[in-house]
Amino acid sequence: MSNTAQHSNSGWYFAETGAPTVLEQTSLDMPHVSPGGLLVRVIASGFNPIDTKIRAGLAPIASDNHVVGCDLAGEVIAVGEQVTGFSEGDIVYGCAGGVKGSSGTLCRYIVVDADLMALAPHSVKAEQAAVLPLVSITAFEAIERLHLQADESCLIMGGSGGVGQMALQLAKLRGVAVTATAGDDIRRDQIASFNVTAMSHGEAAEHAGKFDKVLDTFGGESFQTALHACAPGGQVATINARNTYDLTQAHAKALSIHAVFMLLPLLSGKGRATHGRFLSWLAKEVDAGRITVPETEVQSASAVADVHRRYEAGELKTKVAFTL
């Protein structure tokens, strides 16, 4: 086990919830590897919208040290005595923090549950790997819950976002006929580049009962459109069920509805190994060229407050990875 005495740790956290300006750099205790954990030097921490909700107090699940960030890619510094499959020096990635029971990932050193981690794809930079876990696992869980099968039709509301891009690629690998929506011509062209059908959100509302399965990546009006577009006896999954909805269409068409919350294993401790196994598979698919990583903007960790501000102002158009 490596000697960590020479290392110092720091991270970006919020002392109290509020606007992006509450984010500041702080010194942190140097963590010690746990029996089932990995001590990781963080190379990059991936930004996700949930980070802004946690910081603002809209999602009361903040990490124990109030450091922000759920995703990371980094180098293994020490391996817990109960851990197999990882070695010092490995480059790993995962969604392993940011919520209760863990540290946030926007810090120099972190101890993570080995079950949540996998060897990072070697064909992309660590900064690109760092933006994959949360959106990819979310997309995978939605597709699993929908039981997507070859020759079925699937509508993805919001196909140009992080979850949407991963979902349409995972669905295509299953032989599914994919249609996805986006809000402007540039984003629809982006969707079409994956060889799937692209349409506007409004057009989707004109296809009543057309699709066997529907994935909603927005919530709100988008979820209502998903219910409208789903065929009788079909299934709808949403990653944002925190709202009040009219379920008349769901009842009239006997639809099954799935709420997807991929952070639950981090909060509950149950089902974590599924995340690690999926990420191992995903890394191989990325390296084989069958999965494309979303466009990624790389920023210094010191830009975290500005990235939060840009996201909340609707100005952020790509995934972001923070370097430490």
Protein backbone atom coordinates (compact mmCIF):
# COMPACT_ATOMS: atom_id res chain seq x y z
CA MET A 1 0.00 0.00 0.00
CA SER A 2 1.37 3.40 -0.97
CA ASN A 3 2.53 5.87 1.60
CA THR A 4 0.19 8.88 1.36
CA ALA A 5 1.84 11.03 4.01
CA GLN A 6 3.51 13.25 1.40
CA HIS A 7 0.20 14.10 -0.27
CA SER A 8 -2.06 17.05 0.52
CA ASN A 9 -5.71 17.21 -0.39
CA SER A 10 -8.05 20.02 -1.41
CA GLY A 11 -11.39 20.35 -3.13
CA TRP A 12 -14.22 22.66 -4.14
CA TYR A 13 -17.17 22.74 -1.77
CA PHE A 14 -20.03 24.87 -0.45
CA ALA A 15 -20.28 25.80 3.21
CA GLU A 16 -23.96 26.60 2.72
CA THR A 17 -26.40 26.08 -0.13
CA GLY A 18 -27.08 28.91 -2.53
CA ALA A 19 -25.97 30.51 -5.80
CA PRO A 20 -22.83 29.34 -7.66
CA THR A 21 -20.84 31.96 -5.77
CA VAL A 22 -21.01 29.80 -2.60
CA LEU A 23 -18.49 27.40 -4.20
CA GLU A 24 -14.96 27.84 -2.91
CA GLN A 25 -11.74 25.91 -2.57
CA THR A 26 -10.93 24.31 0.76
CA SER A 27 -8.31 22.05 2.35
CA LEU A 28 -9.43 18.50 3.04
CA ASP A 29 -8.10 15.69 5.19
CA MET A 30 -6.09 13.14 3.26
CA PRO A 31 -8.34 10.05 3.03
CA HIS A 32 -7.11 6.55 3.90
CA VAL A 33 -8.06 3.58 1.79
CA SER A 34 -10.83 1.37 3.17
CA PRO A 35 -10.79 -2.46 2.92
CA GLY A 36 -13.26 -2.42 0.01
CA GLY A 37 -12.08 0.82 -1.51
CA LEU A 38 -9.58 2.48 -3.81
CA LEU A 39 -7.59 5.60 -3.01
CA VAL A 40 -7.66 7.58 -6.24
CA ARG A 41 -5.79 10.67 -7.39
CA VAL A 42 -8.47 12.48 -9.34
CA ILE A 43 -7.39 13.52 -12.82
CA ALA A 44 -10.77 14.87 -13.86
CA SER A 45 -14.19 15.32 -12.29
CA GLY A 46 -17.23 15.30 -14.57
CA PHE A 47 -19.94 17.95 -14.22
CA ASN A 48 -23.61 16.94 -14.14
CA PRO A 49 -26.79 19.03 -13.69
CA ILE A 50 -27.50 17.27 -10.37
CA ASP A 51 -24.39 19.04 -9.02
CA THR A 52 -26.17 22.39 -9.33
CA LYS A 53 -29.31 21.09 -7.63
CA ILE A 54 -27.31 19.73 -4.70
CA ARG A 55 -25.37 22.99 -4.37
CA ALA A 56 -28.57 25.07 -4.51
CA GLY A 57 -30.28 22.94 -1.85
CA LEU A 58 -32.89 21.63 -4.29
CA ALA A 59 -31.69 18.05 -3.82
CA PRO A 60 -30.91 17.53 -0.11
CA ILE A 61 -28.45 14.67 -0.68
CA ALA A 62 -25.14 16.57 -0.44
CA SER A 63 -21.90 14.67 0.11
CA ASP A 64 -20.61 14.37 3.66
CA ASN A 65 -17.94 17.03 3.06
CA HIS A 66 -20.12 19.17 0.74
CA VAL A 67 -17.57 18.78 -2.05
CA VAL A 68 -19.38 18.80 -5.40
CA GLY A 69 -19.14 16.25 -8.19
CA CYS A 70 -20.35 12.70 -8.74
CA ASP A 71 -18.22 11.48 -11.68
CA LEU A 72 -14.45 11.04 -11.86
CA ALA A 73 -11.53 9.50 -13.68
CA GLY A 74 -8.24 9.07 -11.91
CA GLU A 75 -5.19 7.02 -10.98
CA VAL A 76 -5.32 4.33 -8.31
CA ILE A 77 -2.84 5.21 -5.53
CA ALA A 78 -3.72 2.43 -3.06
CA VAL A 79 -5.91 -0.68 -3.14
CA GLY A 80 -7.99 -1.91 -0.20
CA GLU A 81 -7.12 -5.33 1.19
CA GLN A 82 -10.47 -6.83 0.15
CA VAL A 83 -10.34 -5.50 -3.42
CA THR A 84 -9.45 -7.59 -6.46
CA GLY A 85 -9.25 -6.59 -10.11
CA PHE A 86 -7.46 -3.27 -9.57
CA SER A 87 -3.79 -2.36 -9.11
CA GLU A 88 -1.84 0.75 -8.19
CA GLY A 89 -1.35 2.88 -11.28
CA ASP A 90 -4.60 1.82 -12.97
CA ILE A 91 -6.66 4.59 -14.57
CA VAL A 92 -10.24 4.10 -13.42
CA TYR A 93 -13.57 5.85 -13.84
CA GLY A 94 -16.94 5.83 -12.14
CA CYS A 95 -19.82 7.70 -10.55
CA ALA A 96 -18.63 7.32 -6.99
CA GLY A 97 -19.47 10.38 -4.90
CA GLY A 98 -21.25 13.67 -4.52
CA VAL A 99 -24.03 12.38 -2.26
CA LYS A 100 -24.56 11.36 1.36
CA GLY A 101 -22.15 8.70 2.55
CA SER A 102 -19.35 9.82 0.25
CA SER A 103 -17.05 12.67 -0.69
CA GLY A 104 -17.66 14.76 -3.76
CA THR A 105 -15.27 14.08 -6.63
CA LEU A 106 -14.00 17.62 -7.29
CA CYS A 107 -10.97 17.08 -5.07
CA ARG A 108 -7.40 15.89 -5.48
CA TYR A 109 -7.73 12.60 -3.61
CA ILE A 110 -10.76 10.47 -2.84
CA VAL A 111 -11.52 7.01 -1.51
CA VAL A 112 -14.17 5.28 -3.58
CA ASP A 113 -16.05 1.99 -3.33
CA ALA A 114 -14.31 -0.37 -5.77
CA ASP A 115 -17.69 -1.86 -6.75
CA LEU A 116 -18.62 1.46 -8.38
CA MET A 117 -15.47 1.68 -10.48
CA ALA A 118 -14.02 0.18 -13.66
CA LEU A 119 -10.85 0.47 -15.69
CA ALA A 120 -11.28 3.52 -17.92
CA PRO A 121 -11.37 3.13 -21.70
CA HIS A 122 -7.83 3.50 -23.00
CA SER A 123 -8.82 5.05 -26.34
CA VAL A 124 -9.99 8.35 -24.83
CA LYS A 125 -8.45 10.84 -22.44
CA ALA A 126 -9.26 10.72 -18.73
CA GLU A 127 -11.18 13.98 -19.12
CA GLN A 128 -13.51 12.29 -21.62
CA ALA A 129 -13.91 9.19 -19.47
CA ALA A 130 -14.83 11.41 -16.51
CA VAL A 131 -18.06 12.63 -18.14
CA LEU A 132 -19.37 9.16 -19.01
CA PRO A 133 -20.47 7.37 -15.82
CA LEU A 134 -23.60 9.15 -14.56
CA VAL A 135 -25.22 9.77 -17.96
CA SER A 136 -24.28 6.33 -19.30
CA ILE A 137 -25.51 4.42 -16.25
CA THR A 138 -28.74 6.45 -16.28
CA ALA A 139 -29.29 5.61 -19.95
CA PHE A 140 -28.48 1.94 -19.35
CA GLU A 141 -30.87 1.67 -16.41
CA ALA A 142 -33.66 3.30 -18.41
CA ILE A 143 -33.16 0.90 -21.32
CA GLU A 144 -33.05 -2.06 -18.96
CA ARG A 145 -36.25 -0.94 -17.24
CA LEU A 146 -37.94 -0.52 -20.63
CA HIS A 147 -36.83 -4.02 -21.66
CA LEU A 148 -35.87 -2.66 -25.07
CA GLN A 149 -35.80 -5.42 -27.69
CA ALA A 150 -34.67 -5.60 -31.30
CA ASP A 151 -37.26 -4.43 -33.85
CA GLU A 152 -39.12 -2.29 -31.29
CA SER A 153 -39.55 1.44 -31.79
CA CYS A 154 -38.27 3.87 -29.16
CA LEU A 155 -38.70 7.63 -28.83
CA ILE A 156 -36.11 9.53 -26.79
CA MET A 157 -37.25 12.95 -25.64
CA GLY A 158 -34.02 14.98 -25.54
CA GLY A 159 -31.62 12.92 -27.63
CA SER A 160 -28.85 15.52 -27.82
CA GLY A 161 -28.26 15.74 -24.06
CA GLY A 162 -25.78 13.58 -22.18
CA VAL A 163 -28.28 10.89 -21.19
CA GLY A 164 -30.02 11.08 -24.56
CA GLN A 165 -26.83 10.60 -26.59
CA MET A 166 -25.86 7.56 -24.57
CA ALA A 167 -29.38 6.12 -24.63
CA LEU A 168 -29.78 6.34 -28.39
CA GLN A 169 -26.42 4.61 -28.90
CA LEU A 170 -27.21 1.85 -26.41
CA ALA A 171 -30.64 1.37 -27.99
CA LYS A 172 -29.13 1.14 -31.47
CA LEU A 173 -26.79 -1.62 -30.28
CA ARG A 174 -29.91 -3.62 -29.44
CA GLY A 175 -31.32 -3.22 -32.95
CA VAL A 176 -34.02 -0.78 -31.89
CA ALA A 177 -35.59 1.72 -34.32
CA VAL A 178 -34.72 4.99 -32.57
CA THR A 179 -36.32 8.40 -32.95
CA ALA A 180 -35.03 11.29 -30.83
CA THR A 181 -36.03 14.89 -30.31
CA ALA A 182 -34.03 18.09 -29.94
CA GLY A 183 -34.87 21.77 -29.67
CA ASP A 184 -33.02 23.26 -32.65
CA ASP A 185 -31.60 22.36 -36.06
CA ILE A 186 -28.00 22.06 -34.83
CA ARG A 187 -28.96 19.54 -32.16
CA ARG A 188 -31.23 17.64 -34.53
CA ASP A 189 -28.33 17.39 -36.98
CA GLN A 190 -26.24 16.03 -34.12
CA ILE A 191 -28.85 13.35 -33.44
CA ALA A 192 -29.09 12.48 -37.14
CA SER A 193 -25.32 11.92 -37.21
CA PHE A 194 -25.94 8.76 -35.15
CA ASN A 195 -28.14 7.43 -37.99
CA VAL A 196 -31.37 7.75 -36.04
CA THR A 197 -34.50 9.72 -36.90
CA ALA A 198 -34.47 13.28 -35.53
CA MET A 199 -37.47 15.51 -34.92
CA SER A 200 -38.50 18.52 -32.86
CA HIS A 201 -40.19 18.21 -29.49
CA GLY A 202 -43.36 19.58 -31.09
CA GLU A 203 -43.31 16.96 -33.84
CA ALA A 204 -43.17 14.21 -31.24
CA ALA A 205 -46.49 15.44 -29.86
CA GLU A 206 -48.05 14.77 -33.29
CA HIS A 207 -47.22 11.04 -33.14
CA ALA A 208 -49.91 9.81 -30.77
CA GLY A 209 -49.54 6.17 -29.81
CA LYS A 210 -46.76 5.49 -32.32
CA PHE A 211 -43.85 4.24 -30.20
CA ASP A 212 -43.49 0.95 -28.32
CA LYS A 213 -41.21 2.51 -25.70
CA VAL A 214 -40.44 6.13 -24.75
CA LEU A 215 -37.62 7.61 -22.67
CA ASP A 216 -38.15 11.11 -21.27
CA THR A 217 -34.94 12.92 -20.25
CA PHE A 218 -36.58 16.20 -19.18
CA GLY A 219 -39.72 15.77 -17.09
CA GLY A 220 -42.59 18.24 -17.09
CA GLU A 221 -44.24 18.77 -20.48
CA SER A 222 -41.78 16.32 -22.04
CA PHE A 223 -43.10 13.52 -19.84
CA GLN A 224 -46.68 14.34 -20.83
CA THR A 225 -45.64 14.15 -24.49
CA ALA A 226 -44.00 10.79 -23.77
CA LEU A 227 -47.29 9.41 -22.43
CA HIS A 228 -49.10 10.78 -25.49
CA ALA A 229 -46.61 9.27 -27.97
CA CYS A 230 -46.44 5.83 -26.37
CA ALA A 231 -48.47 3.00 -27.89
CA PRO A 232 -51.19 1.21 -25.90
CA GLY A 233 -49.63 -1.35 -23.58
CA GLY A 234 -46.23 0.33 -23.96
CA GLN A 235 -43.70 1.56 -21.46
CA VAL A 236 -42.39 5.01 -20.52
CA ALA A 237 -39.28 5.77 -18.49
CA THR A 238 -38.39 9.18 -17.07
CA ILE A 239 -35.34 10.50 -15.27
CA ASN A 240 -37.35 13.33 -13.71
CA ALA A 241 -40.49 12.11 -11.95
CA ARG A 242 -40.41 14.90 -9.32
CA ASN A 243 -43.49 16.75 -10.51
CA THR A 244 -47.28 16.62 -10.63
CA TYR A 245 -48.55 14.85 -13.74
CA ASP A 246 -51.82 14.04 -15.48
CA LEU A 247 -51.75 10.25 -15.84
CA THR A 248 -54.96 10.00 -17.85
CA GLN A 249 -53.07 8.78 -20.92
CA ALA A 250 -51.19 6.21 -18.85
CA HIS A 251 -54.46 4.80 -17.53
CA ALA A 252 -56.31 4.89 -20.86
CA LYS A 253 -53.48 3.03 -22.63
CA ALA A 254 -52.44 0.78 -19.70
CA LEU A 255 -48.88 2.08 -19.81
CA SER A 256 -46.09 0.99 -17.49
CA ILE A 257 -44.11 3.91 -16.04
CA HIS A 258 -40.54 3.66 -14.74
CA ALA A 259 -38.76 6.29 -12.62
CA VAL A 260 -34.98 6.08 -13.06
CA PHE A 261 -32.68 7.37 -10.28
CA MET A 262 -29.17 6.02 -10.83
CA LEU A 263 -27.74 7.60 -7.65
CA LEU A 264 -29.85 5.31 -5.46
CA PRO A 265 -27.12 2.62 -5.10
CA LEU A 266 -24.73 5.30 -3.81
CA LEU A 267 -27.29 6.41 -1.25
CA SER A 268 -28.55 2.97 -0.24
CA GLY A 269 -25.41 0.87 -0.66
CA LYS A 270 -27.39 -1.73 -2.63
CA GLY A 271 -26.72 -2.68 -6.24
CA ARG A 272 -23.37 -0.91 -6.57
CA ALA A 273 -21.57 -3.76 -8.31
CA THR A 274 -23.99 -3.45 -11.24
CA HIS A 275 -22.55 0.00 -11.92
CA GLY A 276 -18.98 -1.26 -12.00
CA ARG A 277 -19.85 -4.18 -14.27
CA PHE A 278 -21.68 -1.93 -16.71
CA LEU A 279 -18.79 0.55 -16.83
CA SER A 280 -16.37 -2.30 -17.58
CA TRP A 281 -18.57 -3.30 -20.52
CA LEU A 282 -18.93 0.34 -21.64
CA ALA A 283 -15.16 0.89 -21.69
CA LYS A 284 -14.79 -2.03 -24.10
CA GLU A 285 -17.54 -0.63 -26.34
CA VAL A 286 -15.86 2.80 -26.40
CA ASP A 287 -12.49 1.23 -27.23
CA ALA A 288 -14.11 -0.81 -30.01
CA GLY A 289 -15.59 2.34 -31.53
CA ARG A 290 -19.19 1.27 -31.01
CA ILE A 291 -19.94 4.03 -28.46
CA THR A 292 -18.99 7.68 -29.01
CA VAL A 293 -18.15 9.92 -26.05
CA PRO A 294 -20.17 13.17 -25.90
CA GLU A 295 -18.37 16.36 -26.85
CA THR A 296 -16.45 17.45 -23.76
CA GLU A 297 -15.27 20.89 -22.66
CA VAL A 298 -12.25 20.74 -20.33
CA GLN A 299 -11.94 23.37 -17.62
CA SER A 300 -9.77 23.92 -14.57
CA ALA A 301 -11.48 23.13 -11.27
CA SER A 302 -11.29 26.83 -10.47
CA ALA A 303 -13.97 27.41 -13.15
CA VAL A 304 -16.58 25.36 -11.29
CA ALA A 305 -18.69 28.31 -10.14
CA ASP A 306 -18.79 29.75 -13.66
CA VAL A 307 -19.79 26.39 -15.16
CA HIS A 308 -22.62 26.10 -12.62
CA ARG A 309 -23.71 29.64 -13.56
CA ARG A 310 -23.55 28.87 -17.29
CA TYR A 311 -25.63 25.73 -16.87
CA GLU A 312 -28.32 27.52 -14.87
CA ALA A 313 -28.39 30.32 -17.47
CA GLY A 314 -28.92 27.79 -20.28
CA GLU A 315 -25.53 28.61 -21.82
CA LEU A 316 -23.82 25.23 -21.40
CA LYS A 317 -24.04 23.14 -24.58
CA THR A 318 -21.58 20.30 -23.89
CA LYS A 319 -20.42 18.01 -21.13
CA VAL A 320 -17.69 19.51 -18.91
CA ALA A 321 -14.75 17.86 -17.19
CA PHE A 322 -12.79 19.70 -14.50
CA THR A 323 -9.07 19.01 -14.21
CA LEU A 324 -7.45 18.98 -10.79
